[in-house]
Amino acid sequence: MTSLQTPAPAAQPDCCVPSAAPALNAGDARQKALIFKALADPNRLRLLSIVKAGESGESCVCDLTEPLGLGQPTVSHHLKILVDAGLLHREKRGTWAYYSLVPGALERTAGLLATL
């Protein structure tokens, strides 16, 4: 071998054997990420807590602005994200919207990491 030639690479062993367990598919990953993103904001966590603690099991958007110290458009934006993530249910009554927890949503959310 001359000084310009490089030695042939050594044979590489086969890479690790793929796991038999199914991987998270793209659709499931997007849905889980949507929920995690919704929960990643302190104001949205507070909104969930306020709605959950409500005596009637629901809260009017008009009652959610003051506890957070935010304007109605900002609170409505946060509520929309929570609805889109499947955590809250929205019901329109006249000019007001009422929000309640989706039954089982918090329990399903608590189990998300276990299903990865």
PDB file of N, CA and C in Angstrom:
ATOM      1  N   MET A   1       0.856  -1.164   0.000  1.00  0.00           N
ATOM      2  CA  MET A   1       0.000   0.000   0.000  1.00  0.00           C
ATOM      3  C   MET A   1       0.896   1.219   0.000  1.00  0.00           C
ATOM      4  N   THR A   2       0.597   2.176  -0.874  1.00  0.00           N
ATOM      5  CA  THR A   2       1.373   3.394  -0.934  1.00  0.00           C
ATOM      6  C   THR A   2       0.816   4.376   0.065  1.00  0.00           C
ATOM      7  N   SER A   3       1.536   5.447   0.272  1.00  0.00           N
ATOM      8  CA  SER A   3       1.100   6.440   1.262  1.00  0.00           C
ATOM      9  C   SER A   3      -0.152   7.168   0.825  1.00  0.00           C
ATOM     10  N   LEU A   4      -0.549   7.118  -0.447  1.00  0.00           N
ATOM     11  CA  LEU A   4      -1.748   7.788  -0.920  1.00  0.00           C
ATOM     12  C   LEU A   4      -2.988   6.910  -0.798  1.00  0.00           C
ATOM     13  N   GLN A   5      -2.818   5.637  -0.602  1.00  0.00           N
ATOM     14  CA  GLN A   5      -3.955   4.752  -0.494  1.00  0.00           C
ATOM     15  C   GLN A   5      -4.406   4.679   0.969  1.00  0.00           C
ATOM     16  N   THR A   6      -5.696   4.613   1.160  1.00  0.00           N
ATOM     17  CA  THR A   6      -6.220   4.461   2.514  1.00  0.00           C
ATOM     18  C   THR A   6      -6.653   3.016   2.670  1.00  0.00           C
ATOM     19  N   PRO A   7      -6.531   2.507   3.878  1.00  0.00           N
ATOM     20  CA  PRO A   7      -6.938   1.119   4.051  1.00  0.00           C
ATOM     21  C   PRO A   7      -8.451   0.980   3.895  1.00  0.00           C
ATOM     22  N   ALA A   8      -8.864  -0.189   3.465  1.00  0.00           N
ATOM     23  CA  ALA A   8     -10.296  -0.455   3.304  1.00  0.00           C
ATOM     24  C   ALA A   8     -10.949  -0.395   4.679  1.00  0.00           C
ATOM     25  N   PRO A   9     -12.137   0.171   4.742  1.00  0.00           N
ATOM     26  CA  PRO A   9     -12.800   0.245   6.047  1.00  0.00           C
ATOM     27  C   PRO A   9     -13.092  -1.148   6.579  1.00  0.00           C
ATOM     28  N   ALA A  10     -13.018  -1.264   7.874  1.00  0.00           N
ATOM     29  CA  ALA A  10     -13.313  -2.547   8.495  1.00  0.00           C
ATOM     30  C   ALA A  10     -14.803  -2.818   8.370  1.00  0.00           C
ATOM     31  N   ALA A  11     -15.159  -4.048   8.284  1.00  0.00           N
ATOM     32  CA  ALA A  11     -16.567  -4.413   8.169  1.00  0.00           C
ATOM     33  C   ALA A  11     -17.313  -3.944   9.414  1.00  0.00           C
ATOM     34  N   GLN A  12     -18.409  -3.260   9.200  1.00  0.00           N
ATOM     35  CA  GLN A  12     -19.219  -2.749  10.303  1.00  0.00           C
ATOM     36  C   GLN A  12     -20.227  -3.801  10.711  1.00  0.00           C
ATOM     37  N   PRO A  13     -20.374  -4.004  12.004  1.00  0.00           N
ATOM     38  CA  PRO A  13     -21.411  -4.946  12.424  1.00  0.00           C
ATOM     39  C   PRO A  13     -22.781  -4.351  12.123  1.00  0.00           C
ATOM     40  N   ASP A  14     -23.760  -5.202  11.967  1.00  0.00           N
ATOM     41  CA  ASP A  14     -25.128  -4.728  11.742  1.00  0.00           C
ATOM     42  C   ASP A  14     -25.538  -3.814  12.883  1.00  0.00           C
ATOM     43  N   CYS A  15     -26.308  -2.819  12.539  1.00  0.00           N
ATOM     44  CA  CYS A  15     -26.821  -1.890  13.553  1.00  0.00           C
ATOM     45  C   CYS A  15     -27.772  -2.650  14.470  1.00  0.00           C
ATOM     46  N   CYS A  16     -28.196  -1.994  15.484  1.00  0.00           N
ATOM     47  CA  CYS A  16     -29.087  -2.639  16.450  1.00  0.00           C
ATOM     48  C   CYS A  16     -30.369  -3.126  15.773  1.00  0.00           C
ATOM     49  N   VAL A  17     -30.967  -4.097  16.358  1.00  0.00           N
ATOM     50  CA  VAL A  17     -32.186  -4.690  15.834  1.00  0.00           C
ATOM     51  C   VAL A  17     -33.346  -3.744  16.148  1.00  0.00           C
ATOM     52  N   PRO A  18     -34.216  -3.472  15.164  1.00  0.00           N
ATOM     53  CA  PRO A  18     -35.347  -2.574  15.428  1.00  0.00           C
ATOM     54  C   PRO A  18     -36.254  -3.135  16.525  1.00  0.00           C
ATOM     55  N   SER A  19     -36.857  -2.226  17.247  1.00  0.00           N
ATOM     56  CA  SER A  19     -37.765  -2.610  18.319  1.00  0.00           C
ATOM     57  C   SER A  19     -39.006  -3.264  17.745  1.00  0.00           C
ATOM     58  N   ALA A  20     -39.516  -4.230  18.455  1.00  0.00           N
ATOM     59  CA  ALA A  20     -40.739  -4.890  18.017  1.00  0.00           C
ATOM     60  C   ALA A  20     -41.965  -4.054  18.357  1.00  0.00           C
ATOM     61  N   ALA A  21     -41.821  -3.139  19.310  1.00  0.00           N
ATOM     62  CA  ALA A  21     -42.944  -2.285  19.706  1.00  0.00           C
ATOM     63  C   ALA A  21     -43.206  -1.251  18.618  1.00  0.00           C
ATOM     64  N   PRO A  22     -44.484  -0.997  18.315  1.00  0.00           N
ATOM     65  CA  PRO A  22     -44.784  -0.003  17.271  1.00  0.00           C
ATOM     66  C   PRO A  22     -44.408   1.406  17.736  1.00  0.00           C
ATOM     67  N   ALA A  23     -43.874   2.171  16.820  1.00  0.00           N
ATOM     68  CA  ALA A  23     -43.516   3.566  17.101  1.00  0.00           C
ATOM     69  C   ALA A  23     -44.764   4.429  16.974  1.00  0.00           C
ATOM     70  N   LEU A  24     -44.712   5.576  17.586  1.00  0.00           N
ATOM     71  CA  LEU A  24     -45.796   6.553  17.512  1.00  0.00           C
ATOM     72  C   LEU A  24     -45.918   7.033  16.065  1.00  0.00           C
ATOM     73  N   ASN A  25     -47.105   6.947  15.482  1.00  0.00           N
ATOM     74  CA  ASN A  25     -47.248   7.398  14.096  1.00  0.00           C
ATOM     75  C   ASN A  25     -47.352   8.926  14.057  1.00  0.00           C
ATOM     76  N   ALA A  26     -47.216   9.484  12.884  1.00  0.00           N
ATOM     77  CA  ALA A  26     -47.166  10.942  12.719  1.00  0.00           C
ATOM     78  C   ALA A  26     -48.448  11.619  13.188  1.00  0.00           C
ATOM     79  N   GLY A  27     -49.602  11.043  12.895  1.00  0.00           N
ATOM     80  CA  GLY A  27     -50.875  11.644  13.306  1.00  0.00           C
ATOM     81  C   GLY A  27     -51.031  11.680  14.819  1.00  0.00           C
ATOM     82  N   ASP A  28     -50.696  10.569  15.471  1.00  0.00           N
ATOM     83  CA  ASP A  28     -50.774  10.526  16.933  1.00  0.00           C
ATOM     84  C   ASP A  28     -49.791  11.510  17.564  1.00  0.00           C
ATOM     85  N   ALA A  29     -48.598  11.611  16.975  1.00  0.00           N
ATOM     86  CA  ALA A  29     -47.595  12.539  17.499  1.00  0.00           C
ATOM     87  C   ALA A  29     -48.082  13.984  17.384  1.00  0.00           C
ATOM     88  N   ARG A  30     -48.724  14.334  16.257  1.00  0.00           N
ATOM     89  CA  ARG A  30     -49.257  15.694  16.093  1.00  0.00           C
ATOM     90  C   ARG A  30     -50.335  15.985  17.129  1.00  0.00           C
ATOM     91  N   GLN A  31     -51.238  15.020  17.360  1.00  0.00           N
ATOM     92  CA  GLN A  31     -52.316  15.218  18.330  1.00  0.00           C
ATOM     93  C   GLN A  31     -51.768  15.386  19.743  1.00  0.00           C
ATOM     94  N   LYS A  32     -50.812  14.570  20.105  1.00  0.00           N
ATOM     95  CA  LYS A  32     -50.208  14.679  21.443  1.00  0.00           C
ATOM     96  C   LYS A  32     -49.459  15.988  21.587  1.00  0.00           C
ATOM     97  N   ALA A  33     -48.748  16.394  20.554  1.00  0.00           N
ATOM     98  CA  ALA A  33     -48.013  17.657  20.597  1.00  0.00           C
ATOM     99  C   ALA A  33     -48.971  18.838  20.752  1.00  0.00           C
ATOM    100  N   LEU A  34     -50.135  18.765  20.118  1.00  0.00           N
ATOM    101  CA  LEU A  34     -51.143  19.816  20.241  1.00  0.00           C
ATOM    102  C   LEU A  34     -51.577  19.968  21.696  1.00  0.00           C
ATOM    103  N   ILE A  35     -51.773  18.855  22.373  1.00  0.00           N
ATOM    104  CA  ILE A  35     -52.174  18.896  23.777  1.00  0.00           C
ATOM    105  C   ILE A  35     -51.040  19.435  24.637  1.00  0.00           C
ATOM    106  N   PHE A  36     -49.823  18.934  24.427  1.00  0.00           N
ATOM    107  CA  PHE A  36     -48.685  19.421  25.219  1.00  0.00           C
ATOM    108  C   PHE A  36     -48.459  20.912  25.002  1.00  0.00           C
ATOM    109  N   LYS A  37     -48.617  21.366  23.757  1.00  0.00           N
ATOM    110  CA  LYS A  37     -48.449  22.791  23.464  1.00  0.00           C
ATOM    111  C   LYS A  37     -49.519  23.610  24.182  1.00  0.00           C
ATOM    112  N   ALA A  38     -50.748  23.105  24.207  1.00  0.00           N
ATOM    113  CA  ALA A  38     -51.834  23.812  24.896  1.00  0.00           C
ATOM    114  C   ALA A  38     -51.541  23.920  26.387  1.00  0.00           C
ATOM    115  N   LEU A  39     -50.943  22.900  26.950  1.00  0.00           N
ATOM    116  CA  LEU A  39     -50.659  22.896  28.386  1.00  0.00           C
ATOM    117  C   LEU A  39     -49.378  23.643  28.751  1.00  0.00           C
ATOM    118  N   ALA A  40     -48.606  24.027  27.765  1.00  0.00           N
ATOM    119  CA  ALA A  40     -47.309  24.652  28.023  1.00  0.00           C
ATOM    120  C   ALA A  40     -47.402  26.121  28.404  1.00  0.00           C
ATOM    121  N   ASP A  41     -48.586  26.668  28.477  1.00  0.00           N
ATOM    122  CA  ASP A  41     -48.759  28.085  28.808  1.00  0.00           C
ATOM    123  C   ASP A  41     -49.389  28.207  30.195  1.00  0.00           C
ATOM    124  N   PRO A  42     -48.790  28.993  31.090  1.00  0.00           N
ATOM    125  CA  PRO A  42     -49.332  29.125  32.449  1.00  0.00           C
ATOM    126  C   PRO A  42     -50.758  29.665  32.483  1.00  0.00           C
ATOM    127  N   ASN A  43     -51.112  30.566  31.580  1.00  0.00           N
ATOM    128  CA  ASN A  43     -52.474  31.107  31.564  1.00  0.00           C
ATOM    129  C   ASN A  43     -53.487  30.034  31.195  1.00  0.00           C
ATOM    130  N   ARG A  44     -53.115  29.152  30.271  1.00  0.00           N
ATOM    131  CA  ARG A  44     -54.035  28.082  29.889  1.00  0.00           C
ATOM    132  C   ARG A  44     -54.188  27.062  31.016  1.00  0.00           C
ATOM    133  N   LEU A  45     -53.117  26.796  31.739  1.00  0.00           N
ATOM    134  CA  LEU A  45     -53.230  25.913  32.898  1.00  0.00           C
ATOM    135  C   LEU A  45     -54.155  26.519  33.949  1.00  0.00           C
ATOM    136  N   ARG A  46     -54.031  27.810  34.152  1.00  0.00           N
ATOM    137  CA  ARG A  46     -54.905  28.486  35.113  1.00  0.00           C
ATOM    138  C   ARG A  46     -56.356  28.438  34.653  1.00  0.00           C
ATOM    139  N   LEU A  47     -56.585  28.634  33.357  1.00  0.00           N
ATOM    140  CA  LEU A  47     -57.954  28.561  32.834  1.00  0.00           C
ATOM    141  C   LEU A  47     -58.558  27.179  33.069  1.00  0.00           C
ATOM    142  N   LEU A  48     -57.792  26.129  32.801  1.00  0.00           N
ATOM    143  CA  LEU A  48     -58.289  24.778  33.065  1.00  0.00           C
ATOM    144  C   LEU A  48     -58.645  24.606  34.537  1.00  0.00           C
ATOM    145  N   SER A  49     -57.789  25.125  35.395  1.00  0.00           N
ATOM    146  CA  SER A  49     -58.009  25.016  36.834  1.00  0.00           C
ATOM    147  C   SER A  49     -59.260  25.762  37.274  1.00  0.00           C
ATOM    148  N   ILE A  50     -59.470  26.945  36.730  1.00  0.00           N
ATOM    149  CA  ILE A  50     -60.646  27.754  37.077  1.00  0.00           C
ATOM    150  C   ILE A  50     -61.924  27.065  36.604  1.00  0.00           C
ATOM    151  N   VAL A  51     -61.914  26.577  35.377  1.00  0.00           N
ATOM    152  CA  VAL A  51     -63.099  25.907  34.839  1.00  0.00           C
ATOM    153  C   VAL A  51     -63.388  24.641  35.649  1.00  0.00           C
ATOM    154  N   LYS A  52     -62.366  23.884  35.964  1.00  0.00           N
ATOM    155  CA  LYS A  52     -62.550  22.649  36.729  1.00  0.00           C
ATOM    156  C   LYS A  52     -63.110  22.938  38.120  1.00  0.00           C
ATOM    157  N   ALA A  53     -62.668  24.027  38.738  1.00  0.00           N
ATOM    158  CA  ALA A  53     -63.086  24.360  40.101  1.00  0.00           C
ATOM    159  C   ALA A  53     -64.477  24.991  40.159  1.00  0.00           C
ATOM    160  N   GLY A  54     -65.031  25.364  39.025  1.00  0.00           N
ATOM    161  CA  GLY A  54     -66.343  26.009  39.000  1.00  0.00           C
ATOM    162  C   GLY A  54     -67.415  25.131  39.615  1.00  0.00           C
ATOM    163  N   GLU A  55     -68.272  25.741  40.419  1.00  0.00           N
ATOM    164  CA  GLU A  55     -69.324  24.989  41.115  1.00  0.00           C
ATOM    165  C   GLU A  55     -70.259  24.270  40.154  1.00  0.00           C
ATOM    166  N   SER A  56     -70.564  24.889  39.039  1.00  0.00           N
ATOM    167  CA  SER A  56     -71.500  24.284  38.086  1.00  0.00           C
ATOM    168  C   SER A  56     -70.797  23.403  37.056  1.00  0.00           C
ATOM    169  N   GLY A  57     -69.481  23.351  37.121  1.00  0.00           N
ATOM    170  CA  GLY A  57     -68.736  22.562  36.146  1.00  0.00           C
ATOM    171  C   GLY A  57     -68.486  23.286  34.847  1.00  0.00           C
ATOM    172  N   GLU A  58     -68.853  24.553  34.811  1.00  0.00           N
ATOM    173  CA  GLU A  58     -68.616  25.362  33.615  1.00  0.00           C
ATOM    174  C   GLU A  58     -68.359  26.798  34.043  1.00  0.00           C
ATOM    175  N   SER A  59     -67.755  27.556  33.117  1.00  0.00           N
ATOM    176  CA  SER A  59     -67.471  28.965  33.374  1.00  0.00           C
ATOM    177  C   SER A  59     -67.769  29.782  32.141  1.00  0.00           C
ATOM    178  N   CYS A  60     -68.343  30.949  32.367  1.00  0.00           N
ATOM    179  CA  CYS A  60     -68.583  31.894  31.278  1.00  0.00           C
ATOM    180  C   CYS A  60     -67.279  32.628  30.991  1.00  0.00           C
ATOM    181  N   VAL A  61     -67.052  32.917  29.727  1.00  0.00           N
ATOM    182  CA  VAL A  61     -65.843  33.655  29.364  1.00  0.00           C
ATOM    183  C   VAL A  61     -65.783  34.984  30.106  1.00  0.00           C
ATOM    184  N   CYS A  62     -66.937  35.554  30.430  1.00  0.00           N
ATOM    185  CA  CYS A  62     -66.968  36.839  31.136  1.00  0.00           C
ATOM    186  C   CYS A  62     -66.397  36.713  32.550  1.00  0.00           C
ATOM    187  N   ASP A  63     -66.387  35.500  33.110  1.00  0.00           N
ATOM    188  CA  ASP A  63     -65.860  35.279  34.448  1.00  0.00           C
ATOM    189  C   ASP A  63     -64.395  34.850  34.451  1.00  0.00           C
ATOM    190  N   LEU A  64     -63.794  34.723  33.285  1.00  0.00           N
ATOM    191  CA  LEU A  64     -62.430  34.213  33.199  1.00  0.00           C
ATOM    192  C   LEU A  64     -61.385  35.288  32.959  1.00  0.00           C
ATOM    193  N   THR A  65     -61.805  36.483  32.620  1.00  0.00           N
ATOM    194  CA  THR A  65     -60.826  37.533  32.322  1.00  0.00           C
ATOM    195  C   THR A  65     -60.219  38.122  33.590  1.00  0.00           C
ATOM    196  N   GLU A  66     -61.041  38.403  34.577  1.00  0.00           N
ATOM    197  CA  GLU A  66     -60.550  39.054  35.800  1.00  0.00           C
ATOM    198  C   GLU A  66     -59.527  38.212  36.570  1.00  0.00           C
ATOM    199  N   PRO A  67     -59.774  36.923  36.790  1.00  0.00           N
ATOM    200  CA  PRO A  67     -58.793  36.146  37.557  1.00  0.00           C
ATOM    201  C   PRO A  67     -57.407  36.099  36.909  1.00  0.00           C
ATOM    202  N   LEU A  68     -57.360  36.189  35.589  1.00  0.00           N
ATOM    203  CA  LEU A  68     -56.074  36.143  34.908  1.00  0.00           C
ATOM    204  C   LEU A  68     -55.468  37.523  34.691  1.00  0.00           C
ATOM    205  N   GLY A  69     -56.275  38.559  34.831  1.00  0.00           N
ATOM    206  CA  GLY A  69     -55.774  39.901  34.581  1.00  0.00           C
ATOM    207  C   GLY A  69     -55.458  40.134  33.117  1.00  0.00           C
ATOM    208  N   LEU A  70     -56.185  39.457  32.250  1.00  0.00           N
ATOM    209  CA  LEU A  70     -55.976  39.581  30.808  1.00  0.00           C
ATOM    210  C   LEU A  70     -57.250  40.080  30.152  1.00  0.00           C
ATOM    211  N   GLY A  71     -57.109  40.644  28.979  1.00  0.00           N
ATOM    212  CA  GLY A  71     -58.263  41.122  28.234  1.00  0.00           C
ATOM    213  C   GLY A  71     -59.060  39.969  27.646  1.00  0.00           C
ATOM    214  N   GLN A  72     -60.305  40.251  27.304  1.00  0.00           N
ATOM    215  CA  GLN A  72     -61.199  39.231  26.764  1.00  0.00           C
ATOM    216  C   GLN A  72     -60.656  38.600  25.476  1.00  0.00           C
ATOM    217  N   PRO A  73     -60.094  39.368  24.535  1.00  0.00           N
ATOM    218  CA  PRO A  73     -59.569  38.729  23.322  1.00  0.00           C
ATOM    219  C   PRO A  73     -58.438  37.735  23.615  1.00  0.00           C
ATOM    220  N   THR A  74     -57.577  38.070  24.573  1.00  0.00           N
ATOM    221  CA  THR A  74     -56.473  37.176  24.924  1.00  0.00           C
ATOM    222  C   THR A  74     -56.998  35.912  25.584  1.00  0.00           C
ATOM    223  N   VAL A  75     -57.946  36.064  26.498  1.00  0.00           N
ATOM    224  CA  VAL A  75     -58.535  34.902  27.162  1.00  0.00           C
ATOM    225  C   VAL A  75     -59.259  34.027  26.137  1.00  0.00           C
ATOM    226  N   SER A  76     -59.986  34.639  25.226  1.00  0.00           N
ATOM    227  CA  SER A  76     -60.680  33.880  24.178  1.00  0.00           C
ATOM    228  C   SER A  76     -59.696  33.103  23.315  1.00  0.00           C
ATOM    229  N   HIS A  77     -58.558  33.700  23.014  1.00  0.00           N
ATOM    230  CA  HIS A  77     -57.518  33.012  22.236  1.00  0.00           C
ATOM    231  C   HIS A  77     -57.032  31.769  22.983  1.00  0.00           C
ATOM    232  N   HIS A  78     -56.733  31.921  24.268  1.00  0.00           N
ATOM    233  CA  HIS A  78     -56.265  30.785  25.069  1.00  0.00           C
ATOM    234  C   HIS A  78     -57.341  29.704  25.157  1.00  0.00           C
ATOM    235  N   LEU A  79     -58.586  30.110  25.317  1.00  0.00           N
ATOM    236  CA  LEU A  79     -59.688  29.149  25.395  1.00  0.00           C
ATOM    237  C   LEU A  79     -59.841  28.386  24.084  1.00  0.00           C
ATOM    238  N   LYS A  80     -59.667  29.065  22.953  1.00  0.00           N
ATOM    239  CA  LYS A  80     -59.759  28.407  21.650  1.00  0.00           C
ATOM    240  C   LYS A  80     -58.692  27.321  21.526  1.00  0.00           C
ATOM    241  N   ILE A  81     -57.498  27.595  21.987  1.00  0.00           N
ATOM    242  CA  ILE A  81     -56.418  26.606  21.931  1.00  0.00           C
ATOM    243  C   ILE A  81     -56.780  25.383  22.775  1.00  0.00           C
ATOM    244  N   LEU A  82     -57.360  25.622  23.947  1.00  0.00           N
ATOM    245  CA  LEU A  82     -57.765  24.512  24.819  1.00  0.00           C
ATOM    246  C   LEU A  82     -58.915  23.704  24.207  1.00  0.00           C
ATOM    247  N   VAL A  83     -59.825  24.384  23.521  1.00  0.00           N
ATOM    248  CA  VAL A  83     -60.915  23.689  22.824  1.00  0.00           C
ATOM    249  C   VAL A  83     -60.341  22.871  21.669  1.00  0.00           C
ATOM    250  N   ASP A  84     -59.463  23.481  20.868  1.00  0.00           N
ATOM    251  CA  ASP A  84     -58.868  22.782  19.722  1.00  0.00           C
ATOM    252  C   ASP A  84     -58.054  21.560  20.154  1.00  0.00           C
ATOM    253  N   ALA A  85     -57.490  21.610  21.353  1.00  0.00           N
ATOM    254  CA  ALA A  85     -56.710  20.485  21.866  1.00  0.00           C
ATOM    255  C   ALA A  85     -57.601  19.399  22.460  1.00  0.00           C
ATOM    256  N   GLY A  86     -58.904  19.658  22.520  1.00  0.00           N
ATOM    257  CA  GLY A  86     -59.825  18.665  23.039  1.00  0.00           C
ATOM    258  C   GLY A  86     -59.929  18.624  24.551  1.00  0.00           C
ATOM    259  N   LEU A  87     -59.505  19.699  25.206  1.00  0.00           N
ATOM    260  CA  LEU A  87     -59.538  19.740  26.671  1.00  0.00           C
ATOM    261  C   LEU A  87     -60.793  20.419  27.208  1.00  0.00           C
ATOM    262  N   LEU A  88     -61.281  21.422  26.486  1.00  0.00           N
ATOM    263  CA  LEU A  88     -62.482  22.142  26.903  1.00  0.00           C
ATOM    264  C   LEU A  88     -63.557  22.025  25.825  1.00  0.00           C
ATOM    265  N   HIS A  89     -64.790  22.115  26.283  1.00  0.00           N
ATOM    266  CA  HIS A  89     -65.955  22.158  25.401  1.00  0.00           C
ATOM    267  C   HIS A  89     -66.518  23.579  25.470  1.00  0.00           C
ATOM    268  N   ARG A  90     -66.937  24.121  24.339  1.00  0.00           N
ATOM    269  CA  ARG A  90     -67.493  25.479  24.265  1.00  0.00           C
ATOM    270  C   ARG A  90     -68.957  25.393  23.876  1.00  0.00           C
ATOM    271  N   GLU A  91     -69.798  26.131  24.620  1.00  0.00           N
ATOM    272  CA  GLU A  91     -71.219  26.211  24.291  1.00  0.00           C
ATOM    273  C   GLU A  91     -71.612  27.677  24.244  1.00  0.00           C
ATOM    274  N   LYS A  92     -72.140  28.089  23.125  1.00  0.00           N
ATOM    275  CA  LYS A  92     -72.572  29.475  22.935  1.00  0.00           C
ATOM    276  C   LYS A  92     -73.995  29.633  23.451  1.00  0.00           C
ATOM    277  N   ARG A  93     -74.194  30.632  24.322  1.00  0.00           N
ATOM    278  CA  ARG A  93     -75.528  30.962  24.840  1.00  0.00           C
ATOM    279  C   ARG A  93     -75.724  32.461  24.711  1.00  0.00           C
ATOM    280  N   GLY A  94     -76.523  32.841  23.757  1.00  0.00           N
ATOM    281  CA  GLY A  94     -76.714  34.269  23.503  1.00  0.00           C
ATOM    282  C   GLY A  94     -75.399  34.892  23.056  1.00  0.00           C
ATOM    283  N   THR A  95     -74.981  35.937  23.747  1.00  0.00           N
ATOM    284  CA  THR A  95     -73.730  36.600  23.372  1.00  0.00           C
ATOM    285  C   THR A  95     -72.522  36.035  24.111  1.00  0.00           C
ATOM    286  N   TRP A  96     -72.739  35.116  25.039  1.00  0.00           N
ATOM    287  CA  TRP A  96     -71.651  34.593  25.858  1.00  0.00           C
ATOM    288  C   TRP A  96     -71.323  33.146  25.494  1.00  0.00           C
ATOM    289  N   ALA A  97     -70.084  32.775  25.751  1.00  0.00           N
ATOM    290  CA  ALA A  97     -69.644  31.390  25.560  1.00  0.00           C
ATOM    291  C   ALA A  97     -69.330  30.806  26.937  1.00  0.00           C
ATOM    292  N   TYR A  98     -69.775  29.575  27.136  1.00  0.00           N
ATOM    293  CA  TYR A  98     -69.532  28.864  28.384  1.00  0.00           C
ATOM    294  C   TYR A  98     -68.605  27.684  28.097  1.00  0.00           C
ATOM    295  N   TYR A  99     -67.673  27.480  29.009  1.00  0.00           N
ATOM    296  CA  TYR A  99     -66.663  26.440  28.821  1.00  0.00           C
ATOM    297  C   TYR A  99     -66.749  25.415  29.935  1.00  0.00           C
ATOM    298  N   SER A 100     -66.582  24.150  29.563  1.00  0.00           N
ATOM    299  CA  SER A 100     -66.556  23.061  30.531  1.00  0.00           C
ATOM    300  C   SER A 100     -65.478  22.072  30.089  1.00  0.00           C
ATOM    301  N   LEU A 101     -65.022  21.274  31.038  1.00  0.00           N
ATOM    302  CA  LEU A 101     -64.025  20.257  30.716  1.00  0.00           C
ATOM    303  C   LEU A 101     -64.668  19.170  29.870  1.00  0.00           C
ATOM    304  N   VAL A 102     -63.955  18.691  28.884  1.00  0.00           N
ATOM    305  CA  VAL A 102     -64.410  17.543  28.108  1.00  0.00           C
ATOM    306  C   VAL A 102     -64.301  16.336  29.038  1.00  0.00           C
ATOM    307  N   PRO A 103     -65.365  15.567  29.189  1.00  0.00           N
ATOM    308  CA  PRO A 103     -65.311  14.409  30.086  1.00  0.00           C
ATOM    309  C   PRO A 103     -64.141  13.479  29.748  1.00  0.00           C
ATOM    310  N   GLY A 104     -63.342  13.175  30.750  1.00  0.00           N
ATOM    311  CA  GLY A 104     -62.201  12.274  30.594  1.00  0.00           C
ATOM    312  C   GLY A 104     -60.958  12.897  30.004  1.00  0.00           C
ATOM    313  N   ALA A 105     -61.016  14.165  29.606  1.00  0.00           N
ATOM    314  CA  ALA A 105     -59.870  14.796  28.941  1.00  0.00           C
ATOM    315  C   ALA A 105     -58.643  14.871  29.838  1.00  0.00           C
ATOM    316  N   LEU A 106     -58.839  15.237  31.092  1.00  0.00           N
ATOM    317  CA  LEU A 106     -57.686  15.350  31.987  1.00  0.00           C
ATOM    318  C   LEU A 106     -57.083  13.980  32.279  1.00  0.00           C
ATOM    319  N   GLU A 107     -57.916  12.967  32.412  1.00  0.00           N
ATOM    320  CA  GLU A 107     -57.406  11.615  32.646  1.00  0.00           C
ATOM    321  C   GLU A 107     -56.626  11.105  31.431  1.00  0.00           C
ATOM    322  N   ARG A 108     -57.167  11.357  30.229  1.00  0.00           N
ATOM    323  CA  ARG A 108     -56.452  10.946  29.011  1.00  0.00           C
ATOM    324  C   ARG A 108     -55.136  11.698  28.887  1.00  0.00           C
ATOM    325  N   THR A 109     -55.164  12.987  29.226  1.00  0.00           N
ATOM    326  CA  THR A 109     -53.951  13.800  29.144  1.00  0.00           C
ATOM    327  C   THR A 109     -52.897  13.288  30.118  1.00  0.00           C
ATOM    328  N   ALA A 110     -53.326  12.893  31.318  1.00  0.00           N
ATOM    329  CA  ALA A 110     -52.387  12.368  32.316  1.00  0.00           C
ATOM    330  C   ALA A 110     -51.713  11.097  31.826  1.00  0.00           C
ATOM    331  N   GLY A 111     -52.366  10.331  30.968  1.00  0.00           N
ATOM    332  CA  GLY A 111     -51.792   9.096  30.465  1.00  0.00           C
ATOM    333  C   GLY A 111     -51.025   9.222  29.174  1.00  0.00           C
ATOM    334  N   LEU A 112     -50.891  10.428  28.636  1.00  0.00           N
ATOM    335  CA  LEU A 112     -50.222  10.589  27.335  1.00  0.00           C
ATOM    336  C   LEU A 112     -48.789  10.085  27.319  1.00  0.00           C
ATOM    337  N   LEU A 113     -48.032  10.407  28.335  1.00  0.00           N
ATOM    338  CA  LEU A 113     -46.621   9.995  28.327  1.00  0.00           C
ATOM    339  C   LEU A 113     -46.475   8.483  28.427  1.00  0.00           C
ATOM    340  N   ALA A 114     -47.410   7.852  29.079  1.00  0.00           N
ATOM    341  CA  ALA A 114     -47.353   6.405  29.236  1.00  0.00           C
ATOM    342  C   ALA A 114     -47.558   5.689  27.898  1.00  0.00           C
ATOM    343  N   THR A 115     -48.162   6.376  26.931  1.00  0.00           N
ATOM    344  CA  THR A 115     -48.446   5.733  25.646  1.00  0.00           C
ATOM    345  C   THR A 115     -47.414   6.054  24.580  1.00  0.00           C
ATOM    346  N   LEU A 116     -46.310   6.656  24.948  1.00  0.00           N
ATOM    347  CA  LEU A 116     -45.269   6.942  23.956  1.00  0.00           C
ATOM    348  C   LEU A 116     -44.504   5.690  23.601  1.00  0.00           C
TER     349      LEU A 116
END
